[in-house]
N, C-alpha and C. Protein backbone atom coordinates (compact mmCIF):
# COMPACT_ATOMS: atom_id res chain seq x y z
N MET A 1 94.62 104.48 98.04
CA MET A 1 95.40 105.55 98.62
C MET A 1 95.29 105.45 100.14
N GLY A 2 96.23 104.77 100.77
CA GLY A 2 96.16 104.52 102.20
C GLY A 2 96.64 105.70 103.03
N VAL A 3 96.30 105.68 104.32
CA VAL A 3 96.66 106.79 105.20
C VAL A 3 98.17 106.90 105.38
N SER A 4 98.91 105.81 105.14
CA SER A 4 100.36 105.86 105.31
C SER A 4 101.10 106.15 104.01
N SER A 5 100.36 106.41 102.93
CA SER A 5 101.00 106.68 101.65
C SER A 5 101.64 108.07 101.65
N ASP A 6 102.61 108.27 100.77
CA ASP A 6 103.25 109.58 100.64
C ASP A 6 102.24 110.65 100.25
N ILE A 7 101.25 110.27 99.43
CA ILE A 7 100.25 111.24 99.00
C ILE A 7 99.53 111.84 100.21
N VAL A 8 99.08 110.98 101.11
CA VAL A 8 98.33 111.45 102.28
C VAL A 8 99.25 112.13 103.29
N GLN A 9 100.41 111.56 103.52
CA GLN A 9 101.30 112.07 104.57
C GLN A 9 102.02 113.35 104.19
N LYS A 10 102.36 113.51 102.89
CA LYS A 10 103.26 114.61 102.51
C LYS A 10 102.76 115.48 101.37
N GLU A 11 101.84 114.99 100.55
CA GLU A 11 101.58 115.66 99.29
C GLU A 11 100.18 116.25 99.15
N MET A 12 99.39 116.23 100.21
CA MET A 12 98.04 116.76 100.12
C MET A 12 98.06 118.29 100.22
N TYR A 13 97.27 118.94 99.36
CA TYR A 13 97.04 120.37 99.47
C TYR A 13 95.84 120.56 100.38
N ALA A 14 96.07 120.89 101.64
CA ALA A 14 94.99 121.08 102.61
C ALA A 14 95.11 122.46 103.24
N PHE A 15 93.99 123.19 103.31
CA PHE A 15 94.04 124.54 103.86
C PHE A 15 92.64 124.96 104.30
N LYS A 16 92.55 126.10 104.98
CA LYS A 16 91.28 126.68 105.40
C LYS A 16 90.91 127.80 104.43
N ASP A 17 89.64 127.81 104.00
CA ASP A 17 89.22 128.89 103.12
C ASP A 17 88.77 130.10 103.96
N GLN A 18 88.25 131.13 103.30
CA GLN A 18 87.87 132.36 104.01
C GLN A 18 86.75 132.13 105.01
N GLY A 19 85.97 131.07 104.80
CA GLY A 19 84.91 130.73 105.74
C GLY A 19 85.35 129.77 106.83
N LYS A 20 86.67 129.56 106.94
CA LYS A 20 87.27 128.65 107.94
C LYS A 20 86.88 127.19 107.69
N ASN A 21 86.47 126.88 106.46
CA ASN A 21 86.16 125.49 106.10
C ASN A 21 87.44 124.78 105.68
N SER A 22 87.55 123.54 106.05
CA SER A 22 88.72 122.75 105.65
C SER A 22 88.56 122.29 104.21
N VAL A 23 89.54 122.59 103.38
CA VAL A 23 89.50 122.26 101.95
C VAL A 23 90.72 121.43 101.59
N VAL A 24 90.50 120.35 100.84
CA VAL A 24 91.60 119.52 100.34
C VAL A 24 91.44 119.39 98.83
N LEU A 25 92.46 119.75 98.07
CA LEU A 25 92.42 119.59 96.63
C LEU A 25 92.67 118.12 96.28
N ARG A 26 91.93 117.62 95.32
CA ARG A 26 92.01 116.18 95.02
C ARG A 26 93.39 115.81 94.45
N PRO A 27 94.00 114.77 95.00
CA PRO A 27 95.31 114.33 94.51
C PRO A 27 95.21 113.24 93.44
N GLU A 28 94.04 112.60 93.32
CA GLU A 28 93.83 111.55 92.32
C GLU A 28 92.33 111.33 92.16
N GLY A 29 91.93 110.41 91.24
CA GLY A 29 90.53 110.32 90.88
C GLY A 29 89.72 109.19 91.50
N THR A 30 90.38 108.21 92.10
CA THR A 30 89.65 107.03 92.59
C THR A 30 88.65 107.39 93.68
N ALA A 31 89.07 108.21 94.65
CA ALA A 31 88.18 108.54 95.77
C ALA A 31 86.91 109.22 95.28
N SER A 32 87.03 110.09 94.28
CA SER A 32 85.84 110.77 93.74
C SER A 32 84.88 109.78 93.10
N CYS A 33 85.44 108.80 92.38
CA CYS A 33 84.59 107.76 91.76
C CYS A 33 83.85 106.97 92.83
N MET A 34 84.54 106.59 93.89
CA MET A 34 83.91 105.80 94.94
C MET A 34 82.86 106.63 95.68
N ARG A 35 83.13 107.91 95.88
CA ARG A 35 82.16 108.78 96.55
C ARG A 35 80.89 108.88 95.72
N TRP A 36 81.05 109.01 94.40
CA TRP A 36 79.88 109.06 93.52
C TRP A 36 79.10 107.75 93.57
N LEU A 37 79.84 106.65 93.54
CA LEU A 37 79.19 105.35 93.49
C LEU A 37 78.37 105.06 94.75
N THR A 38 78.86 105.49 95.91
CA THR A 38 78.13 105.22 97.15
C THR A 38 76.78 105.93 97.20
N ASN A 39 76.61 106.94 96.34
CA ASN A 39 75.33 107.65 96.29
C ASN A 39 74.39 107.09 95.22
N GLU A 40 74.84 106.07 94.50
CA GLU A 40 74.02 105.46 93.44
C GLU A 40 73.51 104.10 93.93
N SER A 41 72.41 104.12 94.66
CA SER A 41 71.91 102.90 95.30
C SER A 41 71.57 101.80 94.30
N ASP A 42 71.05 102.17 93.13
CA ASP A 42 70.69 101.16 92.13
C ASP A 42 71.92 100.39 91.67
N LEU A 43 73.03 101.07 91.49
CA LEU A 43 74.26 100.42 91.06
C LEU A 43 74.85 99.58 92.19
N ILE A 44 74.80 100.11 93.40
CA ILE A 44 75.34 99.38 94.55
C ILE A 44 74.64 98.04 94.71
N ASN A 45 73.34 98.00 94.45
CA ASN A 45 72.56 96.78 94.65
C ASN A 45 72.85 95.72 93.59
N THR A 46 73.39 96.12 92.44
CA THR A 46 73.63 95.16 91.36
C THR A 46 75.12 94.98 91.03
N ILE A 47 75.99 95.65 91.78
CA ILE A 47 77.40 95.70 91.42
C ILE A 47 78.09 94.34 91.49
N GLU A 48 77.56 93.45 92.34
CA GLU A 48 78.18 92.14 92.46
C GLU A 48 78.05 91.34 91.17
N LYS A 49 76.92 91.47 90.49
CA LYS A 49 76.70 90.73 89.25
C LYS A 49 77.16 91.51 88.03
N GLU A 50 77.03 92.82 88.08
CA GLU A 50 77.35 93.65 86.92
C GLU A 50 78.33 94.75 87.35
N PRO A 51 79.62 94.56 87.11
CA PRO A 51 80.61 95.54 87.54
C PRO A 51 80.36 96.91 86.92
N VAL A 52 80.77 97.94 87.62
CA VAL A 52 80.65 99.31 87.14
C VAL A 52 82.00 99.74 86.55
N LYS A 53 81.96 100.27 85.33
CA LYS A 53 83.18 100.72 84.66
C LYS A 53 83.10 102.23 84.49
N LEU A 54 84.08 102.93 85.04
CA LEU A 54 84.10 104.39 85.01
C LEU A 54 85.42 104.89 84.44
N TRP A 55 85.39 106.11 83.93
CA TRP A 55 86.63 106.77 83.56
C TRP A 55 86.54 108.23 83.99
N TYR A 56 87.70 108.84 84.17
CA TYR A 56 87.71 110.23 84.60
C TYR A 56 88.91 110.95 83.99
N HIS A 57 88.79 112.26 83.94
CA HIS A 57 89.88 113.09 83.46
C HIS A 57 89.73 114.46 84.10
N GLY A 58 90.83 115.04 84.55
CA GLY A 58 90.75 116.36 85.13
C GLY A 58 92.01 116.76 85.86
N PRO A 59 92.06 117.98 86.36
CA PRO A 59 93.24 118.45 87.08
C PRO A 59 93.34 117.83 88.47
N MET A 60 94.55 117.44 88.86
CA MET A 60 94.85 116.91 90.18
C MET A 60 95.95 117.79 90.79
N PHE A 61 96.08 117.72 92.11
CA PHE A 61 97.03 118.59 92.81
C PHE A 61 97.80 117.81 93.87
N ARG A 62 99.11 117.90 93.81
CA ARG A 62 99.95 117.27 94.83
C ARG A 62 101.10 118.21 95.18
N TYR A 63 101.39 118.30 96.46
CA TYR A 63 102.47 119.16 96.90
C TYR A 63 103.80 118.42 96.73
N GLU A 64 104.18 118.24 95.47
CA GLU A 64 105.41 117.53 95.13
C GLU A 64 106.63 118.41 95.38
N ARG A 65 107.76 117.76 95.62
CA ARG A 65 109.01 118.50 95.67
C ARG A 65 109.32 119.03 94.27
N PRO A 66 109.58 120.33 94.15
CA PRO A 66 109.81 120.89 92.80
C PRO A 66 111.07 120.34 92.17
N GLN A 67 110.92 119.67 91.06
CA GLN A 67 112.03 119.14 90.31
C GLN A 67 111.52 118.77 88.92
N ALA A 68 112.46 118.49 88.02
CA ALA A 68 112.09 118.19 86.64
C ALA A 68 111.11 117.02 86.58
N GLY A 69 110.03 117.20 85.81
CA GLY A 69 109.09 116.11 85.61
C GLY A 69 107.98 116.03 86.63
N ARG A 70 107.99 116.88 87.65
CA ARG A 70 106.94 116.85 88.66
C ARG A 70 106.24 118.21 88.71
N LEU A 71 104.94 118.19 88.50
CA LEU A 71 104.14 119.40 88.52
C LEU A 71 103.15 119.33 89.67
N ARG A 72 102.95 120.42 90.35
CA ARG A 72 102.03 120.42 91.48
C ARG A 72 100.58 120.44 91.03
N GLN A 73 100.32 120.90 89.83
CA GLN A 73 99.01 120.72 89.19
C GLN A 73 99.25 119.97 87.89
N PHE A 74 98.53 118.88 87.70
CA PHE A 74 98.68 118.06 86.50
C PHE A 74 97.33 117.48 86.14
N HIS A 75 97.20 116.99 84.93
CA HIS A 75 95.96 116.34 84.49
C HIS A 75 96.15 114.83 84.47
N GLN A 76 95.14 114.14 84.92
CA GLN A 76 95.21 112.68 84.99
C GLN A 76 93.99 112.06 84.31
N LEU A 77 94.25 111.02 83.54
CA LEU A 77 93.18 110.23 82.92
C LEU A 77 93.24 108.84 83.53
N GLY A 78 92.10 108.36 84.00
CA GLY A 78 92.10 107.05 84.65
C GLY A 78 90.82 106.29 84.42
N VAL A 79 90.86 104.99 84.70
CA VAL A 79 89.68 104.13 84.61
C VAL A 79 89.53 103.36 85.91
N GLU A 80 88.30 103.01 86.22
CA GLU A 80 88.00 102.21 87.42
C GLU A 80 87.06 101.08 87.02
N HIS A 81 87.37 99.87 87.47
CA HIS A 81 86.51 98.70 87.26
C HIS A 81 86.12 98.22 88.65
N ILE A 82 84.88 98.44 89.04
CA ILE A 82 84.45 98.21 90.42
C ILE A 82 83.39 97.12 90.46
N GLY A 83 83.63 96.09 91.29
CA GLY A 83 82.63 95.06 91.48
C GLY A 83 82.97 93.77 90.75
N GLY A 84 81.98 92.91 90.65
CA GLY A 84 82.20 91.58 90.10
C GLY A 84 82.39 90.59 91.24
N SER A 85 81.85 89.42 91.11
CA SER A 85 81.88 88.44 92.20
C SER A 85 83.29 88.05 92.59
N HIS A 86 84.25 88.18 91.64
CA HIS A 86 85.59 87.73 91.93
C HIS A 86 86.30 88.61 92.95
N ASN A 87 85.84 89.86 93.18
CA ASN A 87 86.51 90.68 94.18
C ASN A 87 85.57 91.19 95.28
N LEU A 88 84.33 90.74 95.28
CA LEU A 88 83.41 91.13 96.34
C LEU A 88 83.12 89.99 97.31
N LYS A 89 83.36 88.78 96.92
CA LYS A 89 83.06 87.64 97.77
C LYS A 89 84.34 86.96 98.23
N GLN A 90 84.25 86.37 99.40
CA GLN A 90 85.31 85.49 99.85
C GLN A 90 85.08 84.13 99.21
N GLY A 91 86.08 83.55 98.64
CA GLY A 91 85.93 82.26 97.99
C GLY A 91 86.87 82.16 96.81
N PRO A 92 86.66 81.14 95.96
CA PRO A 92 87.55 80.95 94.81
C PRO A 92 87.60 82.19 93.91
N ILE A 93 88.77 82.52 93.43
CA ILE A 93 88.95 83.67 92.55
C ILE A 93 88.58 83.27 91.13
N ASP A 94 87.80 84.12 90.48
CA ASP A 94 87.46 83.91 89.08
C ASP A 94 88.59 84.49 88.24
N TYR A 95 89.59 83.66 87.94
CA TYR A 95 90.78 84.16 87.25
C TYR A 95 90.45 84.61 85.82
N GLY A 96 89.49 83.94 85.18
CA GLY A 96 89.11 84.35 83.84
C GLY A 96 88.58 85.77 83.81
N HIS A 97 87.71 86.09 84.79
CA HIS A 97 87.15 87.44 84.89
C HIS A 97 88.26 88.44 85.21
N MET A 98 89.15 88.07 86.10
CA MET A 98 90.24 88.96 86.51
C MET A 98 91.16 89.28 85.33
N ILE A 99 91.50 88.27 84.55
CA ILE A 99 92.37 88.46 83.39
C ILE A 99 91.70 89.39 82.38
N GLN A 100 90.40 89.15 82.13
CA GLN A 100 89.67 89.98 81.17
C GLN A 100 89.62 91.43 81.62
N THR A 101 89.39 91.64 82.92
CA THR A 101 89.34 92.99 83.46
C THR A 101 90.67 93.71 83.27
N ASP A 102 91.76 93.04 83.65
CA ASP A 102 93.09 93.65 83.50
C ASP A 102 93.38 93.95 82.03
N TYR A 103 93.03 93.00 81.18
CA TYR A 103 93.29 93.18 79.75
C TYR A 103 92.53 94.38 79.20
N GLU A 104 91.26 94.51 79.55
CA GLU A 104 90.44 95.62 79.04
C GLU A 104 91.01 96.96 79.48
N ASN A 105 91.45 97.05 80.73
CA ASN A 105 91.97 98.32 81.24
C ASN A 105 93.29 98.69 80.55
N ILE A 106 94.17 97.72 80.38
CA ILE A 106 95.45 97.99 79.73
C ILE A 106 95.25 98.28 78.24
N GLU A 107 94.33 97.55 77.62
CA GLU A 107 94.03 97.79 76.21
C GLU A 107 93.51 99.21 76.01
N ALA A 108 92.67 99.69 76.93
CA ALA A 108 92.14 101.05 76.82
C ALA A 108 93.27 102.07 76.90
N ALA A 109 94.24 101.83 77.79
CA ALA A 109 95.37 102.75 77.92
C ALA A 109 96.21 102.77 76.65
N VAL A 110 96.44 101.61 76.07
CA VAL A 110 97.23 101.51 74.84
C VAL A 110 96.52 102.22 73.69
N GLN A 111 95.22 101.99 73.56
CA GLN A 111 94.45 102.62 72.49
C GLN A 111 94.43 104.14 72.65
N CYS A 112 94.37 104.60 73.89
CA CYS A 112 94.37 106.03 74.16
C CYS A 112 95.70 106.65 73.71
N LEU A 113 96.81 106.04 74.07
CA LEU A 113 98.12 106.56 73.68
C LEU A 113 98.30 106.51 72.16
N ASP A 114 97.88 105.41 71.55
CA ASP A 114 98.00 105.30 70.10
C ASP A 114 97.18 106.36 69.39
N SER A 115 95.99 106.65 69.93
CA SER A 115 95.12 107.65 69.31
C SER A 115 95.72 109.05 69.44
N ILE A 116 96.24 109.36 70.62
CA ILE A 116 96.80 110.70 70.85
C ILE A 116 98.03 110.95 69.99
N PHE A 117 98.90 109.93 69.94
CA PHE A 117 100.18 110.10 69.25
C PHE A 117 100.21 109.50 67.85
N GLU A 118 99.01 109.09 67.37
CA GLU A 118 98.86 108.57 66.01
C GLU A 118 99.84 107.42 65.72
N HIS A 119 99.99 106.54 66.69
CA HIS A 119 100.83 105.33 66.56
C HIS A 119 102.32 105.66 66.33
N LYS A 120 102.73 106.89 66.67
CA LYS A 120 104.12 107.27 66.48
C LYS A 120 104.93 107.22 67.77
N LEU A 121 104.27 106.90 68.86
CA LEU A 121 104.96 106.86 70.15
C LEU A 121 105.37 105.43 70.48
N SER A 122 106.63 105.24 70.83
CA SER A 122 107.12 103.93 71.25
C SER A 122 107.13 103.88 72.78
N PHE A 123 106.50 102.87 73.36
CA PHE A 123 106.44 102.78 74.82
C PHE A 123 106.42 101.32 75.25
N LYS A 124 106.70 101.10 76.52
CA LYS A 124 106.69 99.76 77.10
C LYS A 124 105.58 99.68 78.15
N ILE A 125 104.99 98.50 78.27
CA ILE A 125 104.02 98.23 79.34
C ILE A 125 104.76 97.44 80.42
N LEU A 126 104.83 98.01 81.61
CA LEU A 126 105.49 97.34 82.73
C LEU A 126 104.43 96.74 83.65
N LEU A 127 104.49 95.44 83.88
CA LEU A 127 103.49 94.74 84.69
C LEU A 127 104.11 94.19 85.96
N ASN A 128 103.30 94.14 87.00
CA ASN A 128 103.72 93.53 88.26
C ASN A 128 102.63 92.57 88.72
N ASN A 129 103.01 91.54 89.41
CA ASN A 129 102.06 90.53 89.87
C ASN A 129 102.09 90.47 91.39
N LEU A 130 100.99 90.89 92.03
CA LEU A 130 100.90 90.86 93.49
C LEU A 130 100.05 89.68 93.98
N GLY A 131 99.64 88.81 93.07
CA GLY A 131 98.87 87.65 93.48
C GLY A 131 97.47 88.03 93.95
N SER A 132 97.08 87.53 95.11
CA SER A 132 95.75 87.77 95.66
C SER A 132 95.87 88.57 96.96
N LYS A 133 94.72 88.87 97.58
CA LYS A 133 94.73 89.56 98.87
C LYS A 133 95.47 88.73 99.92
N THR A 134 95.29 87.42 99.86
CA THR A 134 95.99 86.54 100.81
C THR A 134 97.50 86.60 100.58
N THR A 135 97.90 86.61 99.31
CA THR A 135 99.32 86.73 98.97
C THR A 135 99.91 87.99 99.57
N ILE A 136 99.23 89.10 99.38
CA ILE A 136 99.73 90.39 99.86
C ILE A 136 99.83 90.41 101.38
N LYS A 137 98.81 89.88 102.07
CA LYS A 137 98.84 89.86 103.53
C LYS A 137 99.99 89.00 104.04
N ASP A 138 100.12 87.80 103.48
CA ASP A 138 101.19 86.89 103.94
C ASP A 138 102.57 87.49 103.68
N TYR A 139 102.73 88.10 102.52
CA TYR A 139 104.01 88.71 102.19
C TYR A 139 104.30 89.90 103.09
N ASN A 140 103.29 90.74 103.31
CA ASN A 140 103.47 91.91 104.19
C ASN A 140 103.89 91.47 105.59
N ASP A 141 103.21 90.45 106.13
CA ASP A 141 103.51 89.99 107.49
C ASP A 141 104.93 89.44 107.59
N THR A 142 105.37 88.71 106.56
CA THR A 142 106.71 88.12 106.58
C THR A 142 107.79 89.19 106.45
N VAL A 143 107.62 90.11 105.51
CA VAL A 143 108.59 91.19 105.32
C VAL A 143 108.62 92.10 106.54
N LEU A 144 107.47 92.30 107.18
CA LEU A 144 107.40 93.16 108.35
C LEU A 144 108.32 92.67 109.46
N GLU A 145 108.33 91.38 109.68
CA GLU A 145 109.21 90.83 110.71
C GLU A 145 110.68 91.07 110.38
N PHE A 146 111.04 90.95 109.10
CA PHE A 146 112.41 91.22 108.68
C PHE A 146 112.76 92.69 108.88
N LEU A 147 111.83 93.57 108.52
CA LEU A 147 112.09 95.01 108.64
C LEU A 147 112.17 95.46 110.09
N LYS A 148 111.36 94.86 110.96
CA LYS A 148 111.40 95.20 112.38
C LYS A 148 112.79 94.95 112.95
N ALA A 149 113.41 93.85 112.50
CA ALA A 149 114.74 93.50 113.00
C ALA A 149 115.83 94.44 112.48
N ASN A 150 115.51 95.20 111.43
CA ASN A 150 116.50 96.09 110.81
C ASN A 150 116.03 97.55 110.77
N ALA A 151 115.04 97.86 111.59
CA ALA A 151 114.41 99.18 111.53
C ALA A 151 115.41 100.31 111.76
N GLN A 152 116.41 100.09 112.60
CA GLN A 152 117.37 101.15 112.92
C GLN A 152 118.20 101.56 111.71
N LEU A 153 118.20 100.73 110.66
CA LEU A 153 118.97 101.03 109.45
C LEU A 153 118.15 101.79 108.41
N LEU A 154 116.89 102.03 108.72
CA LEU A 154 115.99 102.66 107.75
C LEU A 154 115.63 104.09 108.16
N SER A 155 115.04 104.82 107.24
CA SER A 155 114.68 106.21 107.48
C SER A 155 113.57 106.33 108.52
N GLU A 156 113.39 107.54 109.02
CA GLU A 156 112.36 107.78 110.02
C GLU A 156 110.97 107.48 109.47
N ASP A 157 110.72 107.87 108.21
CA ASP A 157 109.42 107.58 107.60
C ASP A 157 109.16 106.08 107.54
N SER A 158 110.18 105.32 107.15
CA SER A 158 110.01 103.87 107.05
C SER A 158 109.80 103.25 108.43
N GLN A 159 110.45 103.78 109.43
CA GLN A 159 110.25 103.26 110.79
C GLN A 159 108.80 103.48 111.25
N LYS A 160 108.22 104.63 110.87
CA LYS A 160 106.82 104.89 111.22
C LYS A 160 105.90 103.90 110.51
N ARG A 161 106.22 103.58 109.25
CA ARG A 161 105.39 102.64 108.51
C ARG A 161 105.50 101.23 109.07
N ILE A 162 106.67 100.89 109.57
CA ILE A 162 106.84 99.59 110.23
C ILE A 162 105.96 99.53 111.48
N GLU A 163 105.94 100.62 112.25
CA GLU A 163 105.10 100.68 113.45
C GLU A 163 103.62 100.56 113.09
N GLN A 164 103.25 101.06 111.91
CA GLN A 164 101.85 100.97 111.45
C GLN A 164 101.54 99.60 110.84
N GLY A 165 102.56 98.75 110.71
CA GLY A 165 102.35 97.41 110.17
C GLY A 165 102.29 97.34 108.66
N ASN A 166 102.77 98.40 107.98
CA ASN A 166 102.67 98.45 106.52
C ASN A 166 104.04 98.30 105.89
N ALA A 167 104.46 97.05 105.71
CA ALA A 167 105.79 96.77 105.15
C ALA A 167 105.88 97.16 103.68
N LEU A 168 104.79 97.01 102.93
CA LEU A 168 104.85 97.28 101.50
C LEU A 168 105.11 98.74 101.22
N ARG A 169 104.67 99.63 102.11
CA ARG A 169 104.98 101.05 101.94
C ARG A 169 106.47 101.32 102.11
N VAL A 170 107.11 100.53 102.95
CA VAL A 170 108.56 100.67 103.13
C VAL A 170 109.28 100.30 101.83
N LEU A 171 108.79 99.27 101.16
CA LEU A 171 109.42 98.85 99.90
C LEU A 171 109.28 99.93 98.83
N ASP A 172 108.28 100.81 98.97
CA ASP A 172 108.07 101.91 98.02
C ASP A 172 108.79 103.19 98.43
N SER A 173 109.58 103.13 99.49
CA SER A 173 110.25 104.33 100.01
C SER A 173 111.07 105.03 98.92
N LYS A 174 111.00 106.36 98.93
CA LYS A 174 111.80 107.15 97.98
C LYS A 174 113.17 107.50 98.55
N ASP A 175 113.39 107.16 99.82
CA ASP A 175 114.69 107.43 100.44
C ASP A 175 115.78 106.56 99.78
N GLU A 176 116.86 107.18 99.35
CA GLU A 176 117.89 106.46 98.60
C GLU A 176 118.54 105.36 99.44
N GLU A 177 118.80 105.63 100.70
CA GLU A 177 119.43 104.61 101.57
C GLU A 177 118.47 103.45 101.82
N ASP A 178 117.19 103.76 101.97
CA ASP A 178 116.19 102.69 102.12
C ASP A 178 116.21 101.79 100.89
N GLN A 179 116.20 102.40 99.70
CA GLN A 179 116.18 101.62 98.47
C GLN A 179 117.45 100.78 98.31
N ASN A 180 118.58 101.35 98.69
CA ASN A 180 119.84 100.58 98.61
C ASN A 180 119.78 99.38 99.55
N PHE A 181 119.24 99.57 100.74
CA PHE A 181 119.10 98.48 101.72
C PHE A 181 118.19 97.38 101.17
N ILE A 182 117.03 97.79 100.63
CA ILE A 182 116.05 96.82 100.11
C ILE A 182 116.61 96.07 98.91
N ASP A 183 117.19 96.81 97.95
CA ASP A 183 117.74 96.17 96.76
C ASP A 183 118.85 95.19 97.11
N ASP A 184 119.69 95.56 98.07
CA ASP A 184 120.80 94.70 98.48
C ASP A 184 120.31 93.41 99.09
N HIS A 185 119.32 93.49 99.98
CA HIS A 185 118.84 92.29 100.66
C HIS A 185 117.96 91.43 99.75
N LEU A 186 117.23 92.05 98.81
CA LEU A 186 116.50 91.25 97.83
C LEU A 186 117.46 90.50 96.94
N PHE A 187 118.53 91.17 96.51
CA PHE A 187 119.53 90.54 95.64
C PHE A 187 120.21 89.37 96.34
N ARG A 188 120.54 89.54 97.61
CA ARG A 188 121.23 88.49 98.36
C ARG A 188 120.28 87.39 98.84
N GLY A 189 118.97 87.67 98.77
CA GLY A 189 118.00 86.67 99.19
C GLY A 189 117.73 86.65 100.68
N SER A 190 118.28 87.61 101.41
CA SER A 190 118.04 87.65 102.86
C SER A 190 116.67 88.23 103.19
N MET A 191 116.06 88.94 102.23
CA MET A 191 114.69 89.40 102.38
C MET A 191 113.84 88.68 101.34
N PRO A 192 112.71 88.13 101.73
CA PRO A 192 111.90 87.34 100.78
C PRO A 192 111.35 88.19 99.65
N SER A 193 111.19 87.57 98.49
CA SER A 193 110.55 88.19 97.33
C SER A 193 109.10 87.75 97.28
N ILE A 194 108.24 88.60 96.73
CA ILE A 194 106.82 88.24 96.65
C ILE A 194 106.60 87.03 95.74
N ASP A 195 107.53 86.77 94.83
CA ASP A 195 107.40 85.61 93.95
C ASP A 195 107.31 84.31 94.73
N GLN A 196 107.90 84.28 95.93
CA GLN A 196 107.87 83.09 96.76
C GLN A 196 106.49 82.82 97.34
N PHE A 197 105.59 83.80 97.27
CA PHE A 197 104.27 83.69 97.89
C PHE A 197 103.15 83.53 96.88
N ILE A 198 103.47 83.69 95.60
CA ILE A 198 102.44 83.63 94.57
C ILE A 198 102.25 82.18 94.12
N GLY A 199 101.01 81.71 94.17
CA GLY A 199 100.71 80.32 93.84
C GLY A 199 100.70 80.05 92.34
N GLY A 200 100.60 78.77 92.01
CA GLY A 200 100.64 78.35 90.61
C GLY A 200 99.52 78.93 89.77
N GLU A 201 98.30 78.93 90.30
CA GLU A 201 97.16 79.48 89.55
C GLU A 201 97.36 80.96 89.26
N GLN A 202 97.89 81.68 90.25
CA GLN A 202 98.12 83.11 90.07
C GLN A 202 99.20 83.37 89.04
N GLN A 203 100.24 82.55 89.05
CA GLN A 203 101.31 82.68 88.05
C GLN A 203 100.78 82.38 86.66
N ASP A 204 99.95 81.34 86.55
CA ASP A 204 99.38 80.97 85.25
C ASP A 204 98.49 82.08 84.71
N ALA A 205 97.68 82.69 85.60
CA ALA A 205 96.79 83.77 85.18
C ALA A 205 97.60 84.98 84.70
N PHE A 206 98.68 85.27 85.40
CA PHE A 206 99.53 86.39 85.02
C PHE A 206 100.17 86.15 83.65
N GLN A 207 100.62 84.90 83.42
CA GLN A 207 101.22 84.58 82.14
C GLN A 207 100.19 84.64 81.01
N GLU A 208 98.97 84.23 81.31
CA GLU A 208 97.89 84.31 80.30
C GLU A 208 97.63 85.76 79.91
N LEU A 209 97.64 86.65 80.92
CA LEU A 209 97.45 88.07 80.63
C LEU A 209 98.57 88.60 79.75
N ILE A 210 99.81 88.22 80.05
CA ILE A 210 100.95 88.65 79.24
C ILE A 210 100.79 88.17 77.80
N ASP A 211 100.37 86.91 77.62
CA ASP A 211 100.21 86.36 76.28
C ASP A 211 99.13 87.13 75.50
N LEU A 212 98.06 87.52 76.18
CA LEU A 212 97.00 88.28 75.52
C LEU A 212 97.51 89.67 75.10
N LEU A 213 98.29 90.29 75.97
CA LEU A 213 98.79 91.63 75.69
C LEU A 213 99.78 91.65 74.54
N LYS A 214 100.45 90.54 74.33
CA LYS A 214 101.41 90.47 73.20
C LYS A 214 100.71 90.60 71.87
N GLU A 215 99.39 90.33 71.86
CA GLU A 215 98.64 90.39 70.61
C GLU A 215 98.09 91.80 70.32
N LEU A 216 98.28 92.73 71.26
CA LEU A 216 97.79 94.10 71.03
C LEU A 216 98.52 94.75 69.86
């Protein structure tokens, strides 16, 4: 949840209580998990070798625009997989570990839905492949240059994100004209797609994950 995200910029419930203390209602569960983990020194010291797996459930609050399907108080169930040498060290990525982690998390979500709805709910799993940290940085930097040249055609929020150097947040813009601009240039090929930056190993790992999920 970055500082330039819509959650932080527009949707936080922040106010002063009767004691003039600043209070923010939690908008999601990841920050709480990380705050707890930083106070567990024994886990912090071993997290590189033995990842920590957490889950959470509870009420969350976001100052959403009132419309169908959006509630300002809602309940969220989530999981966190923190640690492991493949994401704590600089060096070769352990794709086997990464695939297993992704598979376990998605499998847990599927089992949860099946259990709640007694296998009567039909749903689709939508996956995206962002490659590695290097992939994301290289793609962000390339798209940023394209967006800078066309900033005057985008919304004020997107222009601020361009100034902050966060091109990927622009791609997530909820502004209809922004989305039309992005979709049009991706379709015509004038704006690069992230697929052009993802290497062969990353593509193979993503396909392996898809093949495993087909067996669920």
